[in-house]
Amino acid sequence: MARAMFDYTKAVLAKVSFDVNLFCKELKKAMDRLLPYEIEELKAWVDTLIKQNPELNQCLILLNK
């Protein structure tokens, strides 16, 4: 079940990556819901996504909390 939540989170984040505010909001929710090891995986995935969409860079602060 947890893996399904991780995959769902990635799908949602990819879909909202066009809007920085929405992306940050969804990323914050993901950080509250996911397990610690999933958060580490998510950080790596978000880093890759930010390379494609540099405007999302301001959301990185949420990953460092």
PDB file of N, CA and C in Angstrom:
ATOM      1  N   MET A   1       0.826  -1.195   0.000  1.00  0.00           N
ATOM      2  CA  MET A   1       0.000   0.000   0.000  1.00  0.00           C
ATOM      3  C   MET A   1       0.867   1.255   0.000  1.00  0.00           C
ATOM      4  N   ALA A   2       1.950   1.245   0.766  1.00  0.00           N
ATOM      5  CA  ALA A   2       2.797   2.428   0.859  1.00  0.00           C
ATOM      6  C   ALA A   2       3.413   2.749  -0.499  1.00  0.00           C
ATOM      7  N   ARG A   3       3.811   1.737  -1.247  1.00  0.00           N
ATOM      8  CA  ARG A   3       4.414   1.980  -2.560  1.00  0.00           C
ATOM      9  C   ARG A   3       3.404   2.625  -3.500  1.00  0.00           C
ATOM     10  N   ALA A   4       2.148   2.238  -3.373  1.00  0.00           N
ATOM     11  CA  ALA A   4       1.107   2.832  -4.198  1.00  0.00           C
ATOM     12  C   ALA A   4       0.978   4.324  -3.889  1.00  0.00           C
ATOM     13  N   MET A   5       1.100   4.688  -2.627  1.00  0.00           N
ATOM     14  CA  MET A   5       1.019   6.091  -2.240  1.00  0.00           C
ATOM     15  C   MET A   5       2.197   6.871  -2.814  1.00  0.00           C
ATOM     16  N   PHE A   6       3.376   6.266  -2.807  1.00  0.00           N
ATOM     17  CA  PHE A   6       4.560   6.919  -3.370  1.00  0.00           C
ATOM     18  C   PHE A   6       4.376   7.157  -4.867  1.00  0.00           C
ATOM     19  N   ASP A   7       3.906   6.148  -5.574  1.00  0.00           N
ATOM     20  CA  ASP A   7       3.693   6.278  -7.017  1.00  0.00           C
ATOM     21  C   ASP A   7       2.607   7.309  -7.318  1.00  0.00           C
ATOM     22  N   TYR A   8       1.552   7.305  -6.527  1.00  0.00           N
ATOM     23  CA  TYR A   8       0.479   8.284  -6.687  1.00  0.00           C
ATOM     24  C   TYR A   8       1.012   9.699  -6.457  1.00  0.00           C
ATOM     25  N   THR A   9       1.837   9.870  -5.446  1.00  0.00           N
ATOM     26  CA  THR A   9       2.414  11.175  -5.134  1.00  0.00           C
ATOM     27  C   THR A   9       3.252  11.685  -6.299  1.00  0.00           C
ATOM     28  N   LYS A  10       4.069  10.821  -6.874  1.00  0.00           N
ATOM     29  CA  LYS A  10       4.880  11.229  -8.018  1.00  0.00           C
ATOM     30  C   LYS A  10       3.998  11.634  -9.201  1.00  0.00           C
ATOM     31  N   ALA A  11       2.926  10.903  -9.422  1.00  0.00           N
ATOM     32  CA  ALA A  11       2.022  11.222 -10.527  1.00  0.00           C
ATOM     33  C   ALA A  11       1.369  12.587 -10.314  1.00  0.00           C
ATOM     34  N   VAL A  12       0.918  12.842  -9.097  1.00  0.00           N
ATOM     35  CA  VAL A  12       0.286  14.125  -8.789  1.00  0.00           C
ATOM     36  C   VAL A  12       1.288  15.256  -8.961  1.00  0.00           C
ATOM     37  N   LEU A  13       2.478  15.093  -8.430  1.00  0.00           N
ATOM     38  CA  LEU A  13       3.496  16.139  -8.534  1.00  0.00           C
ATOM     39  C   LEU A  13       3.860  16.418  -9.995  1.00  0.00           C
ATOM     40  N   ALA A  14       3.941  15.393 -10.792  1.00  0.00           N
ATOM     41  CA  ALA A  14       4.249  15.584 -12.211  1.00  0.00           C
ATOM     42  C   ALA A  14       3.138  16.364 -12.903  1.00  0.00           C
ATOM     43  N   LYS A  15       1.889  16.069 -12.539  1.00  0.00           N
ATOM     44  CA  LYS A  15       0.754  16.750 -13.170  1.00  0.00           C
ATOM     45  C   LYS A  15       0.637  18.211 -12.766  1.00  0.00           C
ATOM     46  N   VAL A  16       1.048  18.555 -11.555  1.00  0.00           N
ATOM     47  CA  VAL A  16       0.909  19.941 -11.092  1.00  0.00           C
ATOM     48  C   VAL A  16       2.205  20.734 -11.239  1.00  0.00           C
ATOM     49  N   SER A  17       3.189  20.177 -11.904  1.00  0.00           N
ATOM     50  CA  SER A  17       4.483  20.851 -12.009  1.00  0.00           C
ATOM     51  C   SER A  17       4.418  22.132 -12.850  1.00  0.00           C
ATOM     52  N   PHE A  18       3.309  22.372 -13.514  1.00  0.00           N
ATOM     53  CA  PHE A  18       3.150  23.601 -14.292  1.00  0.00           C
ATOM     54  C   PHE A  18       2.919  24.818 -13.402  1.00  0.00           C
ATOM     55  N   ASP A  19       2.478  24.594 -12.153  1.00  0.00           N
ATOM     56  CA  ASP A  19       2.146  25.678 -11.227  1.00  0.00           C
ATOM     57  C   ASP A  19       3.010  25.542  -9.975  1.00  0.00           C
ATOM     58  N   VAL A  20       3.875  26.515  -9.741  1.00  0.00           N
ATOM     59  CA  VAL A  20       4.824  26.438  -8.628  1.00  0.00           C
ATOM     60  C   VAL A  20       4.103  26.355  -7.288  1.00  0.00           C
ATOM     61  N   ASN A  21       3.089  27.181  -7.086  1.00  0.00           N
ATOM     62  CA  ASN A  21       2.378  27.188  -5.799  1.00  0.00           C
ATOM     63  C   ASN A  21       1.676  25.868  -5.528  1.00  0.00           C
ATOM     64  N   LEU A  22       1.035  25.338  -6.538  1.00  0.00           N
ATOM     65  CA  LEU A  22       0.344  24.057  -6.393  1.00  0.00           C
ATOM     66  C   LEU A  22       1.343  22.925  -6.156  1.00  0.00           C
ATOM     67  N   PHE A  23       2.471  22.970  -6.860  1.00  0.00           N
ATOM     68  CA  PHE A  23       3.505  21.963  -6.685  1.00  0.00           C
ATOM     69  C   PHE A  23       4.029  21.981  -5.248  1.00  0.00           C
ATOM     70  N   CYS A  24       4.300  23.171  -4.727  1.00  0.00           N
ATOM     71  CA  CYS A  24       4.799  23.284  -3.353  1.00  0.00           C
ATOM     72  C   CYS A  24       3.772  22.759  -2.351  1.00  0.00           C
ATOM     73  N   LYS A  25       2.513  23.059  -2.589  1.00  0.00           N
ATOM     74  CA  LYS A  25       1.444  22.592  -1.702  1.00  0.00           C
ATOM     75  C   LYS A  25       1.363  21.060  -1.696  1.00  0.00           C
ATOM     76  N   GLU A  26       1.418  20.466  -2.873  1.00  0.00           N
ATOM     77  CA  GLU A  26       1.353  19.007  -2.975  1.00  0.00           C
ATOM     78  C   GLU A  26       2.618  18.354  -2.415  1.00  0.00           C
ATOM     79  N   LEU A  27       3.744  19.004  -2.588  1.00  0.00           N
ATOM     80  CA  LEU A  27       4.996  18.472  -2.043  1.00  0.00           C
ATOM     81  C   LEU A  27       4.956  18.469  -0.521  1.00  0.00           C
ATOM     82  N   LYS A  28       4.399  19.521   0.052  1.00  0.00           N
ATOM     83  CA  LYS A  28       4.268  19.593   1.519  1.00  0.00           C
ATOM     84  C   LYS A  28       3.374  18.465   2.029  1.00  0.00           C
ATOM     85  N   LYS A  29       2.263  18.220   1.345  1.00  0.00           N
ATOM     86  CA  LYS A  29       1.377  17.123   1.740  1.00  0.00           C
ATOM     87  C   LYS A  29       2.097  15.784   1.629  1.00  0.00           C
ATOM     88  N   ALA A  30       2.890  15.626   0.584  1.00  0.00           N
ATOM     89  CA  ALA A  30       3.619  14.373   0.390  1.00  0.00           C
ATOM     90  C   ALA A  30       4.610  14.143   1.522  1.00  0.00           C
ATOM     91  N   MET A  31       5.272  15.197   1.958  1.00  0.00           N
ATOM     92  CA  MET A  31       6.252  15.072   3.038  1.00  0.00           C
ATOM     93  C   MET A  31       5.584  14.628   4.340  1.00  0.00           C
ATOM     94  N   ASP A  32       4.331  14.990   4.524  1.00  0.00           N
ATOM     95  CA  ASP A  32       3.598  14.588   5.730  1.00  0.00           C
ATOM     96  C   ASP A  32       3.110  13.141   5.655  1.00  0.00           C
ATOM     97  N   ARG A  33       2.868  12.652   4.453  1.00  0.00           N
ATOM     98  CA  ARG A  33       2.247  11.337   4.279  1.00  0.00           C
ATOM     99  C   ARG A  33       3.220  10.180   4.090  1.00  0.00           C
ATOM    100  N   LEU A  34       4.354  10.463   3.476  1.00  0.00           N
ATOM    101  CA  LEU A  34       5.255   9.379   3.094  1.00  0.00           C
ATOM    102  C   LEU A  34       6.154   8.936   4.240  1.00  0.00           C
ATOM    103  N   LEU A  35       6.646   7.731   4.110  1.00  0.00           N
ATOM    104  CA  LEU A  35       7.583   7.171   5.076  1.00  0.00           C
ATOM    105  C   LEU A  35       8.971   7.769   4.844  1.00  0.00           C
ATOM    106  N   PRO A  36       9.819   7.756   5.844  1.00  0.00           N
ATOM    107  CA  PRO A  36      11.152   8.390   5.706  1.00  0.00           C
ATOM    108  C   PRO A  36      11.967   7.902   4.513  1.00  0.00           C
ATOM    109  N   TYR A  37      11.986   6.613   4.249  1.00  0.00           N
ATOM    110  CA  TYR A  37      12.767   6.130   3.114  1.00  0.00           C
ATOM    111  C   TYR A  37      12.138   6.552   1.791  1.00  0.00           C
ATOM    112  N   GLU A  38      10.813   6.712   1.760  1.00  0.00           N
ATOM    113  CA  GLU A  38      10.142   7.186   0.552  1.00  0.00           C
ATOM    114  C   GLU A  38      10.436   8.660   0.315  1.00  0.00           C
ATOM    115  N   ILE A  39      10.575   9.415   1.387  1.00  0.00           N
ATOM    116  CA  ILE A  39      10.905  10.827   1.259  1.00  0.00           C
ATOM    117  C   ILE A  39      12.284  10.985   0.615  1.00  0.00           C
ATOM    118  N   GLU A  40      13.218  10.121   0.979  1.00  0.00           N
ATOM    119  CA  GLU A  40      14.549  10.171   0.372  1.00  0.00           C
ATOM    120  C   GLU A  40      14.473   9.884  -1.126  1.00  0.00           C
ATOM    121  N   GLU A  41      13.654   8.907  -1.504  1.00  0.00           N
ATOM    122  CA  GLU A  41      13.459   8.607  -2.927  1.00  0.00           C
ATOM    123  C   GLU A  41      12.795   9.780  -3.635  1.00  0.00           C
ATOM    124  N   LEU A  42      11.830  10.388  -2.964  1.00  0.00           N
ATOM    125  CA  LEU A  42      11.112  11.516  -3.539  1.00  0.00           C
ATOM    126  C   LEU A  42      12.053  12.696  -3.761  1.00  0.00           C
ATOM    127  N   LYS A  43      12.971  12.920  -2.842  1.00  0.00           N
ATOM    128  CA  LYS A  43      13.938  14.018  -2.995  1.00  0.00           C
ATOM    129  C   LYS A  43      14.740  13.845  -4.271  1.00  0.00           C
ATOM    130  N   ALA A  44      15.201  12.636  -4.534  1.00  0.00           N
ATOM    131  CA  ALA A  44      15.973  12.365  -5.745  1.00  0.00           C
ATOM    132  C   ALA A  44      15.109  12.585  -6.989  1.00  0.00           C
ATOM    133  N   TRP A  45      13.873  12.149  -6.940  1.00  0.00           N
ATOM    134  CA  TRP A  45      12.973  12.309  -8.071  1.00  0.00           C
ATOM    135  C   TRP A  45      12.667  13.787  -8.316  1.00  0.00           C
ATOM    136  N   VAL A  46      12.433  14.543  -7.251  1.00  0.00           N
ATOM    137  CA  VAL A  46      12.137  15.969  -7.373  1.00  0.00           C
ATOM    138  C   VAL A  46      13.353  16.714  -7.928  1.00  0.00           C
ATOM    139  N   ASP A  47      14.538  16.335  -7.518  1.00  0.00           N
ATOM    140  CA  ASP A  47      15.750  16.962  -8.063  1.00  0.00           C
ATOM    141  C   ASP A  47      15.797  16.809  -9.584  1.00  0.00           C
ATOM    142  N   THR A  48      15.450  15.643 -10.070  1.00  0.00           N
ATOM    143  CA  THR A  48      15.416  15.400 -11.510  1.00  0.00           C
ATOM    144  C   THR A  48      14.346  16.256 -12.175  1.00  0.00           C
ATOM    145  N   LEU A  49      13.189  16.346 -11.558  1.00  0.00           N
ATOM    146  CA  LEU A  49      12.092  17.139 -12.105  1.00  0.00           C
ATOM    147  C   LEU A  49      12.457  18.622 -12.133  1.00  0.00           C
ATOM    148  N   ILE A  50      13.156  19.085 -11.124  1.00  0.00           N
ATOM    149  CA  ILE A  50      13.533  20.498 -11.054  1.00  0.00           C
ATOM    150  C   ILE A  50      14.561  20.840 -12.137  1.00  0.00           C
ATOM    151  N   LYS A  51      15.367  19.899 -12.518  1.00  0.00           N
ATOM    152  CA  LYS A  51      16.309  20.147 -13.618  1.00  0.00           C
ATOM    153  C   LYS A  51      15.560  20.411 -14.920  1.00  0.00           C
ATOM    154  N   GLN A  52      14.392  19.785 -15.073  1.00  0.00           N
ATOM    155  CA  GLN A  52      13.564  19.992 -16.259  1.00  0.00           C
ATOM    156  C   GLN A  52      12.707  21.248 -16.134  1.00  0.00           C
ATOM    157  N   ASN A  53      12.344  21.616 -14.888  1.00  0.00           N
ATOM    158  CA  ASN A  53      11.492  22.777 -14.611  1.00  0.00           C
ATOM    159  C   ASN A  53      12.150  23.645 -13.541  1.00  0.00           C
ATOM    160  N   PRO A  54      13.109  24.471 -13.910  1.00  0.00           N
ATOM    161  CA  PRO A  54      13.875  25.240 -12.922  1.00  0.00           C
ATOM    162  C   PRO A  54      13.027  26.177 -12.057  1.00  0.00           C
ATOM    163  N   GLU A  55      11.855  26.560 -12.525  1.00  0.00           N
ATOM    164  CA  GLU A  55      11.006  27.448 -11.737  1.00  0.00           C
ATOM    165  C   GLU A  55      10.520  26.792 -10.445  1.00  0.00           C
ATOM    166  N   LEU A  56      10.579  25.468 -10.363  1.00  0.00           N
ATOM    167  CA  LEU A  56      10.165  24.745  -9.163  1.00  0.00           C
ATOM    168  C   LEU A  56      11.242  24.754  -8.084  1.00  0.00           C
ATOM    169  N   ASN A  57      12.365  25.353  -8.383  1.00  0.00           N
ATOM    170  CA  ASN A  57      13.507  25.376  -7.474  1.00  0.00           C
ATOM    171  C   ASN A  57      13.158  25.929  -6.091  1.00  0.00           C
ATOM    172  N   GLN A  58      12.229  26.876  -6.043  1.00  0.00           N
ATOM    173  CA  GLN A  58      11.871  27.476  -4.758  1.00  0.00           C
ATOM    174  C   GLN A  58      11.178  26.497  -3.811  1.00  0.00           C
ATOM    175  N   CYS A  59      10.711  25.380  -4.309  1.00  0.00           N
ATOM    176  CA  CYS A  59      10.059  24.376  -3.467  1.00  0.00           C
ATOM    177  C   CYS A  59      11.065  23.474  -2.756  1.00  0.00           C
ATOM    178  N   LEU A  60      12.326  23.573  -3.119  1.00  0.00           N
ATOM    179  CA  LEU A  60      13.350  22.734  -2.493  1.00  0.00           C
ATOM    180  C   LEU A  60      13.434  22.942  -0.990  1.00  0.00           C
ATOM    181  N   ILE A  61      13.079  24.112  -0.525  1.00  0.00           N
ATOM    182  CA  ILE A  61      13.155  24.385   0.910  1.00  0.00           C
ATOM    183  C   ILE A  61      12.265  23.410   1.687  1.00  0.00           C
ATOM    184  N   LEU A  62      11.189  22.945   1.082  1.00  0.00           N
ATOM    185  CA  LEU A  62      10.290  21.996   1.756  1.00  0.00           C
ATOM    186  C   LEU A  62      10.971  20.638   1.960  1.00  0.00           C
ATOM    187  N   LEU A  63      11.879  20.296   1.074  1.00  0.00           N
ATOM    188  CA  LEU A  63      12.564  19.010   1.182  1.00  0.00           C
ATOM    189  C   LEU A  63      13.642  19.011   2.246  1.00  0.00           C
ATOM    190  N   ASN A  64      14.085  20.163   2.656  1.00  0.00           N
ATOM    191  CA  ASN A  64      15.171  20.269   3.607  1.00  0.00           C
ATOM    192  C   ASN A  64      14.695  20.349   5.051  1.00  0.00           C
ATOM    193  N   LYS A  65      13.407  20.307   5.272  1.00  0.00           N
ATOM    194  CA  LYS A  65      12.875  20.407   6.643  1.00  0.00           C
ATOM    195  C   LYS A  65      12.932  19.079   7.336  1.00  0.00           C
TER     196      LYS A  65
END
